[in-house]
């Protein structure tokens, strides 16, 4: 497939997302589907319409439909893509129920449904292939899928943070998979990047503010996790297998950081709190737009380093991983000392 197709689909998904965000925002206001700042862990001050995630997902689905019907992409050869479509539909439904239901769903119910939905990908051959025995590979695949879904949900605490990092991560998976022609990864990645980009103007806007909600963050996390399993990172050496962790570094980092801090306080790691790295940076006096911009830049750098580790000498990649780990530990130790109300 040529660059014309991918660039066109990127533009189409961006425009569709931009248009659909306006439609779903009006719908959310009409039916009072709003995120109210009703608890201490909410970081916004005004009731804000949800359903931005539905706009992202619908733009994603419609763009794939355009690829099939107007660009003659043969979906019969893209079986893994069907797993993403079926599974993501379940994820969106779960997120919508959690968004609309007063008090949301319990974390046990959400985890159960997420593991079930993640199983759709296994049925279509999307799993970790370099680990044996097979049952252990399946178990790690499910943990990875559910973990990334919730990691994207966890970082959705500031305007542009989740969608911005997802846009960069999607582009990274696209460019890494492009030379080896993992077609379903190429298609889904470039379309997801466009759909997330089209949502950002509404998420950043003060007058036309729109949140993606759990439906959006879980959907994006599900697709990104699936994309991360769809291409090879070890064509040169085995150290490249850690590249997806770097690409999805921001959501993974915040999830691990928050869970460790909650456990240190004697709290359940599944209980909401303001321990996120972004909120600690804000407590230090850094404006939110700067925090989001910094996070997107760090994501871009992490994606570049991920690409680098795939192509350099094995031991150079190992040294790079060690340096990244040390720097992450130093930053985490500093942020952990910032007091949060």
C-alpha atoms as a PDB file:
ATOM      1  CA  UNK A   1       0.000   0.000   0.000  1.00  0.00           C
ATOM      2  CA  UNK A   2       1.309   3.429  -0.907  1.00  0.00           C
ATOM      3  CA  UNK A   3       1.790   6.603   1.083  1.00  0.00           C
ATOM      4  CA  UNK A   4      -1.146   8.259  -0.705  1.00  0.00           C
ATOM      5  CA  UNK A   5      -3.601   5.811   0.865  1.00  0.00           C
ATOM      6  CA  UNK A   6      -2.229   6.257   4.373  1.00  0.00           C
ATOM      7  CA  UNK A   7      -2.029  10.048   4.205  1.00  0.00           C
ATOM      8  CA  UNK A   8      -5.576  10.207   2.795  1.00  0.00           C
ATOM      9  CA  UNK A   9      -6.950   7.954   5.534  1.00  0.00           C
ATOM     10  CA  UNK A  10      -5.181  10.073   8.153  1.00  0.00           C
ATOM     11  CA  UNK A  11      -6.865  13.221   6.822  1.00  0.00           C
ATOM     12  CA  UNK A  12     -10.240  11.484   6.481  1.00  0.00           C
ATOM     13  CA  UNK A  13     -10.198  10.166  10.048  1.00  0.00           C
ATOM     14  CA  UNK A  14      -9.098  13.559  11.393  1.00  0.00           C
ATOM     15  CA  UNK A  15     -11.922  15.398   9.612  1.00  0.00           C
ATOM     16  CA  UNK A  16     -14.503  12.772  10.561  1.00  0.00           C
ATOM     17  CA  UNK A  17     -13.453  12.975  14.189  1.00  0.00           C
ATOM     18  CA  UNK A  18     -13.593  16.768  14.131  1.00  0.00           C
ATOM     19  CA  UNK A  19     -17.126  16.740  12.688  1.00  0.00           C
ATOM     20  CA  UNK A  20     -18.397  13.918  14.886  1.00  0.00           C
ATOM     21  CA  UNK A  21     -17.077  15.603  18.046  1.00  0.00           C
ATOM     22  CA  UNK A  22     -19.453  18.508  17.371  1.00  0.00           C
ATOM     23  CA  UNK A  23     -22.340  16.080  16.813  1.00  0.00           C
ATOM     24  CA  UNK A  24     -21.697  14.037  19.937  1.00  0.00           C
ATOM     25  CA  UNK A  25     -21.105  17.147  22.033  1.00  0.00           C
ATOM     26  CA  UNK A  26     -24.570  18.424  21.119  1.00  0.00           C
ATOM     27  CA  UNK A  27     -26.042  15.002  21.830  1.00  0.00           C
ATOM     28  CA  UNK A  28     -24.360  14.845  25.259  1.00  0.00           C
ATOM     29  CA  UNK A  29     -25.651  18.294  26.185  1.00  0.00           C
ATOM     30  CA  UNK A  30     -29.138  17.423  24.938  1.00  0.00           C
ATOM     31  CA  UNK A  31     -29.374  14.278  27.075  1.00  0.00           C
ATOM     32  CA  UNK A  32     -27.331  15.564  30.032  1.00  0.00           C
ATOM     33  CA  UNK A  33     -24.468  13.103  29.573  1.00  0.00           C
ATOM     34  CA  UNK A  34     -22.027  15.209  31.543  1.00  0.00           C
ATOM     35  CA  UNK A  35     -18.988  14.680  33.719  1.00  0.00           C
ATOM     36  CA  UNK A  36     -19.828  16.512  36.927  1.00  0.00           C
ATOM     37  CA  UNK A  37     -16.994  17.522  39.315  1.00  0.00           C
ATOM     38  CA  UNK A  38     -18.735  15.579  42.067  1.00  0.00           C
ATOM     39  CA  UNK A  39     -15.748  14.096  43.910  1.00  0.00           C
ATOM     40  CA  UNK A  40     -12.438  15.271  45.313  1.00  0.00           C
ATOM     41  CA  UNK A  41     -10.428  13.388  42.687  1.00  0.00           C
ATOM     42  CA  UNK A  42     -12.059  15.257  39.794  1.00  0.00           C
ATOM     43  CA  UNK A  43      -9.703  17.897  38.418  1.00  0.00           C
ATOM     44  CA  UNK A  44     -12.182  20.015  36.409  1.00  0.00           C
ATOM     45  CA  UNK A  45     -14.508  22.666  37.848  1.00  0.00           C
ATOM     46  CA  UNK A  46     -17.443  22.720  35.417  1.00  0.00           C
ATOM     47  CA  UNK A  47     -19.802  19.999  34.208  1.00  0.00           C
ATOM     48  CA  UNK A  48     -18.481  18.910  30.820  1.00  0.00           C
ATOM     49  CA  UNK A  49     -20.092  16.763  28.097  1.00  0.00           C
ATOM     50  CA  UNK A  50     -18.770  13.262  27.556  1.00  0.00           C
ATOM     51  CA  UNK A  51     -18.934  11.176  24.353  1.00  0.00           C
ATOM     52  CA  UNK A  52     -15.781  12.473  22.683  1.00  0.00           C
ATOM     53  CA  UNK A  53     -14.626   8.867  22.766  1.00  0.00           C
ATOM     54  CA  UNK A  54     -17.643   7.834  20.712  1.00  0.00           C
ATOM     55  CA  UNK A  55     -16.650  10.396  18.082  1.00  0.00           C
ATOM     56  CA  UNK A  56     -13.100   9.008  17.998  1.00  0.00           C
ATOM     57  CA  UNK A  57     -14.333   5.417  17.720  1.00  0.00           C
ATOM     58  CA  UNK A  58     -16.939   6.170  15.047  1.00  0.00           C
ATOM     59  CA  UNK A  59     -14.362   8.117  13.024  1.00  0.00           C
ATOM     60  CA  UNK A  60     -12.082   5.088  13.331  1.00  0.00           C
ATOM     61  CA  UNK A  61     -14.787   2.676  12.128  1.00  0.00           C
ATOM     62  CA  UNK A  62     -15.971   4.925   9.285  1.00  0.00           C
ATOM     63  CA  UNK A  63     -12.409   5.449   8.061  1.00  0.00           C
ATOM     64  CA  UNK A  64     -11.888   1.693   7.921  1.00  0.00           C
ATOM     65  CA  UNK A  65     -15.157   1.439   5.994  1.00  0.00           C
ATOM     66  CA  UNK A  66     -13.836   4.030   3.529  1.00  0.00           C
ATOM     67  CA  UNK A  67     -10.610   2.035   3.185  1.00  0.00           C
ATOM     68  CA  UNK A  68     -12.618  -1.050   2.257  1.00  0.00           C
ATOM     69  CA  UNK A  69     -15.196   0.529  -0.047  1.00  0.00           C
ATOM     70  CA  UNK A  70     -13.343   3.413  -1.678  1.00  0.00           C
ATOM     71  CA  UNK A  71      -9.720   2.261  -1.614  1.00  0.00           C
ATOM     72  CA  UNK A  72     -10.368  -1.426  -2.266  1.00  0.00           C
ATOM     73  CA  UNK A  73      -8.516  -2.664   0.810  1.00  0.00           C
ATOM     74  CA  UNK A  74      -9.129  -6.416   1.040  1.00  0.00           C
ATOM     75  CA  UNK A  75     -10.295  -6.997   4.619  1.00  0.00           C
ATOM     76  CA  UNK A  76     -10.496 -10.757   4.058  1.00  0.00           C
ATOM     77  CA  UNK A  77      -6.701 -10.748   4.300  1.00  0.00           C
ATOM     78  CA  UNK A  78      -6.777  -8.691   7.506  1.00  0.00           C
ATOM     79  CA  UNK A  79      -8.299 -11.129   9.981  1.00  0.00           C
ATOM     80  CA  UNK A  80      -6.643  -9.531  13.042  1.00  0.00           C
ATOM     81  CA  UNK A  81      -8.444  -6.282  12.208  1.00  0.00           C
ATOM     82  CA  UNK A  82     -11.764  -8.043  12.740  1.00  0.00           C
ATOM     83  CA  UNK A  83     -10.667  -8.933  16.256  1.00  0.00           C
ATOM     84  CA  UNK A  84      -9.917  -5.267  16.938  1.00  0.00           C
ATOM     85  CA  UNK A  85     -13.302  -4.204  15.558  1.00  0.00           C
ATOM     86  CA  UNK A  86     -15.342  -6.734  17.532  1.00  0.00           C
ATOM     87  CA  UNK A  87     -13.347  -6.306  20.712  1.00  0.00           C
ATOM     88  CA  UNK A  88     -13.361  -2.514  20.600  1.00  0.00           C
ATOM     89  CA  UNK A  89     -17.147  -2.507  20.236  1.00  0.00           C
ATOM     90  CA  UNK A  90     -17.376  -4.306  23.566  1.00  0.00           C
ATOM     91  CA  UNK A  91     -14.888  -1.917  25.137  1.00  0.00           C
ATOM     92  CA  UNK A  92     -16.872   1.127  23.994  1.00  0.00           C
ATOM     93  CA  UNK A  93     -20.094  -0.328  25.403  1.00  0.00           C
ATOM     94  CA  UNK A  94     -18.364  -0.981  28.726  1.00  0.00           C
ATOM     95  CA  UNK A  95     -17.003   2.557  28.826  1.00  0.00           C
ATOM     96  CA  UNK A  96     -20.362   4.098  27.965  1.00  0.00           C
ATOM     97  CA  UNK A  97     -22.110   2.223  30.748  1.00  0.00           C
ATOM     98  CA  UNK A  98     -19.412   3.307  33.178  1.00  0.00           C
ATOM     99  CA  UNK A  99     -19.699   6.924  31.986  1.00  0.00           C
ATOM    100  CA  UNK A 100     -23.486   7.132  32.130  1.00  0.00           C
ATOM    101  CA  UNK A 101     -24.242   4.966  35.175  1.00  0.00           C
ATOM    102  CA  UNK A 102     -24.334   6.969  38.409  1.00  0.00           C
ATOM    103  CA  UNK A 103     -21.308   5.984  40.465  1.00  0.00           C
ATOM    104  CA  UNK A 104     -19.907   3.951  37.580  1.00  0.00           C
ATOM    105  CA  UNK A 105     -19.135   0.238  37.645  1.00  0.00           C
ATOM    106  CA  UNK A 106     -17.013  -1.501  40.258  1.00  0.00           C
ATOM    107  CA  UNK A 107     -13.421  -2.203  39.255  1.00  0.00           C
ATOM    108  CA  UNK A 108     -14.062  -5.960  39.592  1.00  0.00           C
ATOM    109  CA  UNK A 109     -16.879  -5.868  37.028  1.00  0.00           C
ATOM    110  CA  UNK A 110     -14.817  -3.706  34.672  1.00  0.00           C
ATOM    111  CA  UNK A 111     -11.805  -6.006  34.906  1.00  0.00           C
ATOM    112  CA  UNK A 112     -13.928  -9.084  34.244  1.00  0.00           C
ATOM    113  CA  UNK A 113     -15.484  -7.572  31.125  1.00  0.00           C
ATOM    114  CA  UNK A 114     -12.130  -6.245  29.920  1.00  0.00           C
ATOM    115  CA  UNK A 115     -10.531  -9.693  30.140  1.00  0.00           C
ATOM    116  CA  UNK A 116     -13.460 -11.187  28.232  1.00  0.00           C
ATOM    117  CA  UNK A 117     -13.266  -8.521  25.514  1.00  0.00           C
ATOM    118  CA  UNK A 118      -9.487  -8.931  25.275  1.00  0.00           C
ATOM    119  CA  UNK A 119     -10.111 -12.574  24.413  1.00  0.00           C
ATOM    120  CA  UNK A 120     -11.509 -11.486  21.041  1.00  0.00           C
ATOM    121  CA  UNK A 121      -7.994 -10.623  19.928  1.00  0.00           C
ATOM    122  CA  UNK A 122      -6.729 -14.085  20.833  1.00  0.00           C
ATOM    123  CA  UNK A 123      -9.399 -15.633  18.612  1.00  0.00           C
ATOM    124  CA  UNK A 124      -8.000 -13.663  15.678  1.00  0.00           C
ATOM    125  CA  UNK A 125      -4.347 -14.455  16.308  1.00  0.00           C
ATOM    126  CA  UNK A 126      -3.237 -11.298  18.095  1.00  0.00           C
ATOM    127  CA  UNK A 127      -1.034 -12.290  21.023  1.00  0.00           C
ATOM    128  CA  UNK A 128       2.528 -12.329  22.310  1.00  0.00           C
ATOM    129  CA  UNK A 129       4.293 -14.875  20.108  1.00  0.00           C
ATOM    130  CA  UNK A 130       7.833 -15.020  21.499  1.00  0.00           C
ATOM    131  CA  UNK A 131       6.928 -16.500  24.913  1.00  0.00           C
ATOM    132  CA  UNK A 132       6.358 -20.184  25.641  1.00  0.00           C
ATOM    133  CA  UNK A 133       4.469 -22.252  26.703  1.00  0.00           C
ATOM    134  CA  UNK A 134       1.342 -21.082  24.924  1.00  0.00           C
ATOM    135  CA  UNK A 135      -0.825 -20.774  28.058  1.00  0.00           C
ATOM    136  CA  UNK A 136       1.700 -18.373  29.588  1.00  0.00           C
ATOM    137  CA  UNK A 137       1.785 -16.323  26.394  1.00  0.00           C
ATOM    138  CA  UNK A 138      -2.018 -16.073  26.466  1.00  0.00           C
ATOM    139  CA  UNK A 139      -1.995 -15.006  30.121  1.00  0.00           C
ATOM    140  CA  UNK A 140       0.604 -12.270  29.535  1.00  0.00           C
ATOM    141  CA  UNK A 141      -1.280 -11.097  26.444  1.00  0.00           C
ATOM    142  CA  UNK A 142      -4.490 -10.651  28.436  1.00  0.00           C
ATOM    143  CA  UNK A 143      -2.653  -8.838  31.230  1.00  0.00           C
ATOM    144  CA  UNK A 144      -0.954  -6.556  28.689  1.00  0.00           C
ATOM    145  CA  UNK A 145      -4.221  -5.723  26.904  1.00  0.00           C
ATOM    146  CA  UNK A 146      -6.155  -5.004  30.093  1.00  0.00           C
ATOM    147  CA  UNK A 147      -3.209  -3.126  31.569  1.00  0.00           C
ATOM    148  CA  UNK A 148      -2.827  -0.747  28.610  1.00  0.00           C
ATOM    149  CA  UNK A 149      -6.593  -0.151  28.446  1.00  0.00           C
ATOM    150  CA  UNK A 150      -6.590   0.991  32.050  1.00  0.00           C
ATOM    151  CA  UNK A 151      -3.305   2.875  31.704  1.00  0.00           C
ATOM    152  CA  UNK A 152      -4.837   5.092  29.015  1.00  0.00           C
ATOM    153  CA  UNK A 153      -7.865   5.548  31.237  1.00  0.00           C
ATOM    154  CA  UNK A 154      -5.663   6.563  34.167  1.00  0.00           C
ATOM    155  CA  UNK A 155      -3.801   9.325  32.297  1.00  0.00           C
ATOM    156  CA  UNK A 156      -7.010  10.899  31.014  1.00  0.00           C
ATOM    157  CA  UNK A 157      -6.898  13.550  33.736  1.00  0.00           C
ATOM    158  CA  UNK A 158      -5.842  16.637  31.775  1.00  0.00           C
ATOM    159  CA  UNK A 159      -7.055  18.115  28.498  1.00  0.00           C
ATOM    160  CA  UNK A 160      -5.030  16.647  25.660  1.00  0.00           C
ATOM    161  CA  UNK A 161      -2.914  14.308  27.754  1.00  0.00           C
ATOM    162  CA  UNK A 162      -4.451  10.974  26.720  1.00  0.00           C
ATOM    163  CA  UNK A 163      -5.344  11.933  23.131  1.00  0.00           C
ATOM    164  CA  UNK A 164      -2.036  13.709  22.548  1.00  0.00           C
ATOM    165  CA  UNK A 165       0.138  10.833  23.721  1.00  0.00           C
ATOM    166  CA  UNK A 166      -2.090   8.358  21.850  1.00  0.00           C
ATOM    167  CA  UNK A 167      -1.625  10.300  18.598  1.00  0.00           C
ATOM    168  CA  UNK A 168       2.153  10.124  18.870  1.00  0.00           C
ATOM    169  CA  UNK A 169       2.137   6.471  19.957  1.00  0.00           C
ATOM    170  CA  UNK A 170      -0.129   5.519  17.035  1.00  0.00           C
ATOM    171  CA  UNK A 171       2.204   7.224  14.573  1.00  0.00           C
ATOM    172  CA  UNK A 172       5.144   5.379  16.137  1.00  0.00           C
ATOM    173  CA  UNK A 173       3.480   1.991  15.624  1.00  0.00           C
ATOM    174  CA  UNK A 174       2.666   3.038  12.061  1.00  0.00           C
ATOM    175  CA  UNK A 175       6.225   3.981  11.129  1.00  0.00           C
ATOM    176  CA  UNK A 176       7.788   0.995  12.889  1.00  0.00           C
ATOM    177  CA  UNK A 177       5.447  -1.465  11.165  1.00  0.00           C
ATOM    178  CA  UNK A 178       5.500   0.245   7.755  1.00  0.00           C
ATOM    179  CA  UNK A 179       8.721  -1.249   6.337  1.00  0.00           C
ATOM    180  CA  UNK A 180       7.596  -4.818   7.121  1.00  0.00           C
ATOM    181  CA  UNK A 181       4.089  -4.247   5.696  1.00  0.00           C
ATOM    182  CA  UNK A 182       2.016  -5.361   8.694  1.00  0.00           C
ATOM    183  CA  UNK A 183      -0.956  -3.966   6.818  1.00  0.00           C
ATOM    184  CA  UNK A 184      -3.593  -4.142   9.534  1.00  0.00           C
ATOM    185  CA  UNK A 185      -1.250  -2.362  11.942  1.00  0.00           C
ATOM    186  CA  UNK A 186      -0.495   0.302   9.344  1.00  0.00           C
ATOM    187  CA  UNK A 187      -4.180   0.935   8.643  1.00  0.00           C
ATOM    188  CA  UNK A 188      -5.420   0.932  12.225  1.00  0.00           C
ATOM    189  CA  UNK A 189      -2.488   2.986  13.521  1.00  0.00           C
ATOM    190  CA  UNK A 190      -2.698   5.819  10.990  1.00  0.00           C
ATOM    191  CA  UNK A 191      -6.494   5.993  11.306  1.00  0.00           C
ATOM    192  CA  UNK A 192      -6.388   6.022  15.117  1.00  0.00           C
ATOM    193  CA  UNK A 193      -3.779   8.798  15.022  1.00  0.00           C
ATOM    194  CA  UNK A 194      -6.053  10.916  12.832  1.00  0.00           C
ATOM    195  CA  UNK A 195      -9.128  10.243  14.969  1.00  0.00           C
ATOM    196  CA  UNK A 196      -7.312  11.282  18.152  1.00  0.00           C
ATOM    197  CA  UNK A 197      -5.921  14.385  16.458  1.00  0.00           C
ATOM    198  CA  UNK A 198      -9.410  15.470  15.353  1.00  0.00           C
ATOM    199  CA  UNK A 199     -10.628  15.254  18.948  1.00  0.00           C
ATOM    200  CA  UNK A 200      -7.901  17.478  20.403  1.00  0.00           C
ATOM    201  CA  UNK A 201      -9.312  20.906  19.351  1.00  0.00           C
ATOM    202  CA  UNK A 202     -12.503  20.167  21.310  1.00  0.00           C
ATOM    203  CA  UNK A 203     -10.624  18.783  24.293  1.00  0.00           C
ATOM    204  CA  UNK A 204      -8.429  21.902  24.454  1.00  0.00           C
ATOM    205  CA  UNK A 205     -11.276  24.345  23.787  1.00  0.00           C
ATOM    206  CA  UNK A 206     -12.773  26.361  26.645  1.00  0.00           C
ATOM    207  CA  UNK A 207     -15.980  27.240  24.841  1.00  0.00           C
ATOM    208  CA  UNK A 208     -16.616  23.875  23.121  1.00  0.00           C
ATOM    209  CA  UNK A 209     -15.071  21.604  25.751  1.00  0.00           C
ATOM    210  CA  UNK A 210     -15.571  17.855  25.280  1.00  0.00           C
ATOM    211  CA  UNK A 211     -14.226  14.883  27.240  1.00  0.00           C
ATOM    212  CA  UNK A 212     -13.584  11.459  25.717  1.00  0.00           C
ATOM    213  CA  UNK A 213     -14.850   9.636  28.810  1.00  0.00           C
ATOM    214  CA  UNK A 214     -14.008   6.054  29.748  1.00  0.00           C
ATOM    215  CA  UNK A 215     -15.482   4.889  26.436  1.00  0.00           C
ATOM    216  CA  UNK A 216     -12.776   6.832  24.610  1.00  0.00           C
ATOM    217  CA  UNK A 217      -9.780   6.116  26.821  1.00  0.00           C
ATOM    218  CA  UNK A 218     -10.554   2.377  27.035  1.00  0.00           C
ATOM    219  CA  UNK A 219     -11.127   2.181  23.275  1.00  0.00           C
ATOM    220  CA  UNK A 220      -7.859   3.957  22.505  1.00  0.00           C
ATOM    221  CA  UNK A 221      -5.983   1.799  25.006  1.00  0.00           C
ATOM    222  CA  UNK A 222      -7.460  -1.369  23.530  1.00  0.00           C
ATOM    223  CA  UNK A 223      -6.492  -0.485  19.970  1.00  0.00           C
ATOM    224  CA  UNK A 224      -2.989   0.667  20.956  1.00  0.00           C
ATOM    225  CA  UNK A 225      -2.399  -2.531  22.928  1.00  0.00           C
ATOM    226  CA  UNK A 226      -3.537  -4.601  19.939  1.00  0.00           C
ATOM    227  CA  UNK A 227      -1.298  -2.634  17.565  1.00  0.00           C
ATOM    228  CA  UNK A 228       1.703  -3.174  19.828  1.00  0.00           C
ATOM    229  CA  UNK A 229       1.300  -6.946  19.358  1.00  0.00           C
ATOM    230  CA  UNK A 230       0.959  -6.779  15.585  1.00  0.00           C
ATOM    231  CA  UNK A 231       4.494  -6.124  14.429  1.00  0.00           C
ATOM    232  CA  UNK A 232       7.990  -7.452  15.054  1.00  0.00           C
ATOM    233  CA  UNK A 233      10.588  -5.605  17.114  1.00  0.00           C
ATOM    234  CA  UNK A 234      13.233  -8.341  17.107  1.00  0.00           C
ATOM    235  CA  UNK A 235      14.331  -8.602  13.473  1.00  0.00           C
ATOM    236  CA  UNK A 236      17.844  -7.468  14.494  1.00  0.00           C
ATOM    237  CA  UNK A 237      18.093  -8.517  18.160  1.00  0.00           C
ATOM    238  CA  UNK A 238      15.848  -9.562  21.037  1.00  0.00           C
ATOM    239  CA  UNK A 239      16.293  -6.372  23.077  1.00  0.00           C
ATOM    240  CA  UNK A 240      13.846  -4.665  20.741  1.00  0.00           C
ATOM    241  CA  UNK A 241      11.018  -6.577  22.397  1.00  0.00           C
ATOM    242  CA  UNK A 242      10.806  -3.805  25.019  1.00  0.00           C
ATOM    243  CA  UNK A 243      10.126  -1.124  22.389  1.00  0.00           C
ATOM    244  CA  UNK A 244       6.314  -1.089  22.968  1.00  0.00           C
ATOM    245  CA  UNK A 245       6.926  -0.242  26.629  1.00  0.00           C
ATOM    246  CA  UNK A 246       8.840   2.852  25.535  1.00  0.00           C
ATOM    247  CA  UNK A 247       6.206   3.824  22.967  1.00  0.00           C
ATOM    248  CA  UNK A 248       3.474   3.584  25.609  1.00  0.00           C
ATOM    249  CA  UNK A 249       5.832   4.885  28.267  1.00  0.00           C
ATOM    250  CA  UNK A 250       3.726   7.758  29.632  1.00  0.00           C
ATOM    251  CA  UNK A 251       0.551   5.753  30.410  1.00  0.00           C
ATOM    252  CA  UNK A 252       2.559   2.774  31.693  1.00  0.00           C
ATOM    253  CA  UNK A 253       4.731   5.007  33.850  1.00  0.00           C
ATOM    254  CA  UNK A 254       1.810   6.868  35.418  1.00  0.00           C
ATOM    255  CA  UNK A 255      -0.029   3.617  36.142  1.00  0.00           C
ATOM    256  CA  UNK A 256       2.947   2.021  37.888  1.00  0.00           C
ATOM    257  CA  UNK A 257       3.843   5.275  39.678  1.00  0.00           C
ATOM    258  CA  UNK A 258       0.306   5.781  40.996  1.00  0.00           C
ATOM    259  CA  UNK A 259      -0.117   2.162  42.087  1.00  0.00           C
ATOM    260  CA  UNK A 260       3.171   2.150  44.011  1.00  0.00           C
ATOM    261  CA  UNK A 261       2.316   5.395  45.814  1.00  0.00           C
ATOM    262  CA  UNK A 262      -1.155   4.142  46.715  1.00  0.00           C
ATOM    263  CA  UNK A 263       0.236   0.894  48.098  1.00  0.00           C
ATOM    264  CA  UNK A 264       2.802   2.831  50.135  1.00  0.00           C
ATOM    265  CA  UNK A 265      -0.087   4.779  51.679  1.00  0.00           C
ATOM    266  CA  UNK A 266      -1.916   1.556  52.495  1.00  0.00           C
ATOM    267  CA  UNK A 267      -4.562   2.278  49.854  1.00  0.00           C
ATOM    268  CA  UNK A 268      -5.982  -0.078  47.274  1.00  0.00           C
ATOM    269  CA  UNK A 269      -4.153   0.421  43.943  1.00  0.00           C
ATOM    270  CA  UNK A 270      -7.613   0.536  42.328  1.00  0.00           C
ATOM    271  CA  UNK A 271      -8.841   3.391  44.530  1.00  0.00           C
ATOM    272  CA  UNK A 272      -8.880   6.831  42.943  1.00  0.00           C
ATOM    273  CA  UNK A 273      -6.364   9.429  44.126  1.00  0.00           C
ATOM    274  CA  UNK A 274      -4.450  12.487  42.953  1.00  0.00           C
ATOM    275  CA  UNK A 275      -1.063  10.780  42.923  1.00  0.00           C
ATOM    276  CA  UNK A 276      -0.601  11.143  39.146  1.00  0.00           C
ATOM    277  CA  UNK A 277       2.687  12.573  37.919  1.00  0.00           C
ATOM    278  CA  UNK A 278       0.835  15.280  35.970  1.00  0.00           C
ATOM    279  CA  UNK A 279      -0.998  16.528  39.058  1.00  0.00           C
ATOM    280  CA  UNK A 280       2.256  16.586  41.003  1.00  0.00           C
ATOM    281  CA  UNK A 281       3.856  18.686  38.282  1.00  0.00           C
ATOM    282  CA  UNK A 282       0.860  21.014  38.480  1.00  0.00           C
ATOM    283  CA  UNK A 283       1.314  21.243  42.250  1.00  0.00           C
ATOM    284  CA  UNK A 284       4.848  22.456  41.565  1.00  0.00           C
ATOM    285  CA  UNK A 285       3.358  25.422  39.710  1.00  0.00           C
ATOM    286  CA  UNK A 286       3.707  24.204  36.133  1.00  0.00           C
ATOM    287  CA  UNK A 287       0.680  25.216  33.980  1.00  0.00           C
ATOM    288  CA  UNK A 288      -1.425  22.401  32.543  1.00  0.00           C
ATOM    289  CA  UNK A 289      -0.720  23.233  28.878  1.00  0.00           C
ATOM    290  CA  UNK A 290       3.002  23.000  29.619  1.00  0.00           C
ATOM    291  CA  UNK A 291       2.558  19.653  31.390  1.00  0.00           C
ATOM    292  CA  UNK A 292       0.610  18.231  28.460  1.00  0.00           C
ATOM    293  CA  UNK A 293       3.118  19.614  25.967  1.00  0.00           C
ATOM    294  CA  UNK A 294       5.997  18.161  27.972  1.00  0.00           C
ATOM    295  CA  UNK A 295       4.263  14.767  28.139  1.00  0.00           C
ATOM    296  CA  UNK A 296       3.745  14.750  24.379  1.00  0.00           C
ATOM    297  CA  UNK A 297       7.396  15.678  23.814  1.00  0.00           C
ATOM    298  CA  UNK A 298       8.527  12.911  26.178  1.00  0.00           C
ATOM    299  CA  UNK A 299       6.278  10.473  24.296  1.00  0.00           C
ATOM    300  CA  UNK A 300       7.827  11.545  20.997  1.00  0.00           C
ATOM    301  CA  UNK A 301      11.326  11.107  22.469  1.00  0.00           C
ATOM    302  CA  UNK A 302      10.395   7.700  23.899  1.00  0.00           C
ATOM    303  CA  UNK A 303       9.071   6.624  20.499  1.00  0.00           C
ATOM    304  CA  UNK A 304      12.296   7.730  18.853  1.00  0.00           C
ATOM    305  CA  UNK A 305      14.313   5.798  21.448  1.00  0.00           C
ATOM    306  CA  UNK A 306      12.078   2.765  20.862  1.00  0.00           C
ATOM    307  CA  UNK A 307      12.840   2.942  17.141  1.00  0.00           C
ATOM    308  CA  UNK A 308      16.522   3.344  17.963  1.00  0.00           C
ATOM    309  CA  UNK A 309      16.690   0.326  20.268  1.00  0.00           C
ATOM    310  CA  UNK A 310      15.274  -1.859  17.493  1.00  0.00           C
ATOM    311  CA  UNK A 311      18.036  -0.945  15.049  1.00  0.00           C
ATOM    312  CA  UNK A 312      21.197  -0.522  17.131  1.00  0.00           C
ATOM    313  CA  UNK A 313      23.595  -3.146  18.506  1.00  0.00           C
ATOM    314  CA  UNK A 314      22.136  -5.388  21.237  1.00  0.00           C
ATOM    315  CA  UNK A 315      24.360  -4.168  24.081  1.00  0.00           C
ATOM    316  CA  UNK A 316      23.901  -0.553  23.072  1.00  0.00           C
ATOM    317  CA  UNK A 317      20.149  -1.092  23.412  1.00  0.00           C
ATOM    318  CA  UNK A 318      20.642  -2.676  26.849  1.00  0.00           C
ATOM    319  CA  UNK A 319      22.735   0.287  28.016  1.00  0.00           C
ATOM    320  CA  UNK A 320      20.080   2.675  26.701  1.00  0.00           C
ATOM    321  CA  UNK A 321      17.376   0.820  28.628  1.00  0.00           C
ATOM    322  CA  UNK A 322      19.449   1.025  31.820  1.00  0.00           C
ATOM    323  CA  UNK A 323      19.960   4.774  31.393  1.00  0.00           C
ATOM    324  CA  UNK A 324      16.223   5.290  30.825  1.00  0.00           C
ATOM    325  CA  UNK A 325      15.408   3.243  33.935  1.00  0.00           C
ATOM    326  CA  UNK A 326      17.842   5.224  36.101  1.00  0.00           C
ATOM    327  CA  UNK A 327      16.510   8.571  34.865  1.00  0.00           C
ATOM    328  CA  UNK A 328      12.934   7.399  35.418  1.00  0.00           C
ATOM    329  CA  UNK A 329      13.771   6.332  38.975  1.00  0.00           C
ATOM    330  CA  UNK A 330      15.389   9.701  39.744  1.00  0.00           C
ATOM    331  CA  UNK A 331      12.403  11.650  38.382  1.00  0.00           C
ATOM    332  CA  UNK A 332       9.971   9.391  40.258  1.00  0.00           C
ATOM    333  CA  UNK A 333      11.811   9.848  43.550  1.00  0.00           C
ATOM    334  CA  UNK A 334      11.630  13.611  43.099  1.00  0.00           C
ATOM    335  CA  UNK A 335       7.937  13.627  42.170  1.00  0.00           C
ATOM    336  CA  UNK A 336       7.031  11.313  45.048  1.00  0.00           C
ATOM    337  CA  UNK A 337       8.198  13.992  47.499  1.00  0.00           C
ATOM    338  CA  UNK A 338       5.716  16.532  46.121  1.00  0.00           C
ATOM    339  CA  UNK A 339       2.797  16.790  48.555  1.00  0.00           C
ATOM    340  CA  UNK A 340      -0.677  16.336  47.118  1.00  0.00           C
ATOM    341  CA  UNK A 341      -3.841  17.472  48.888  1.00  0.00           C
END
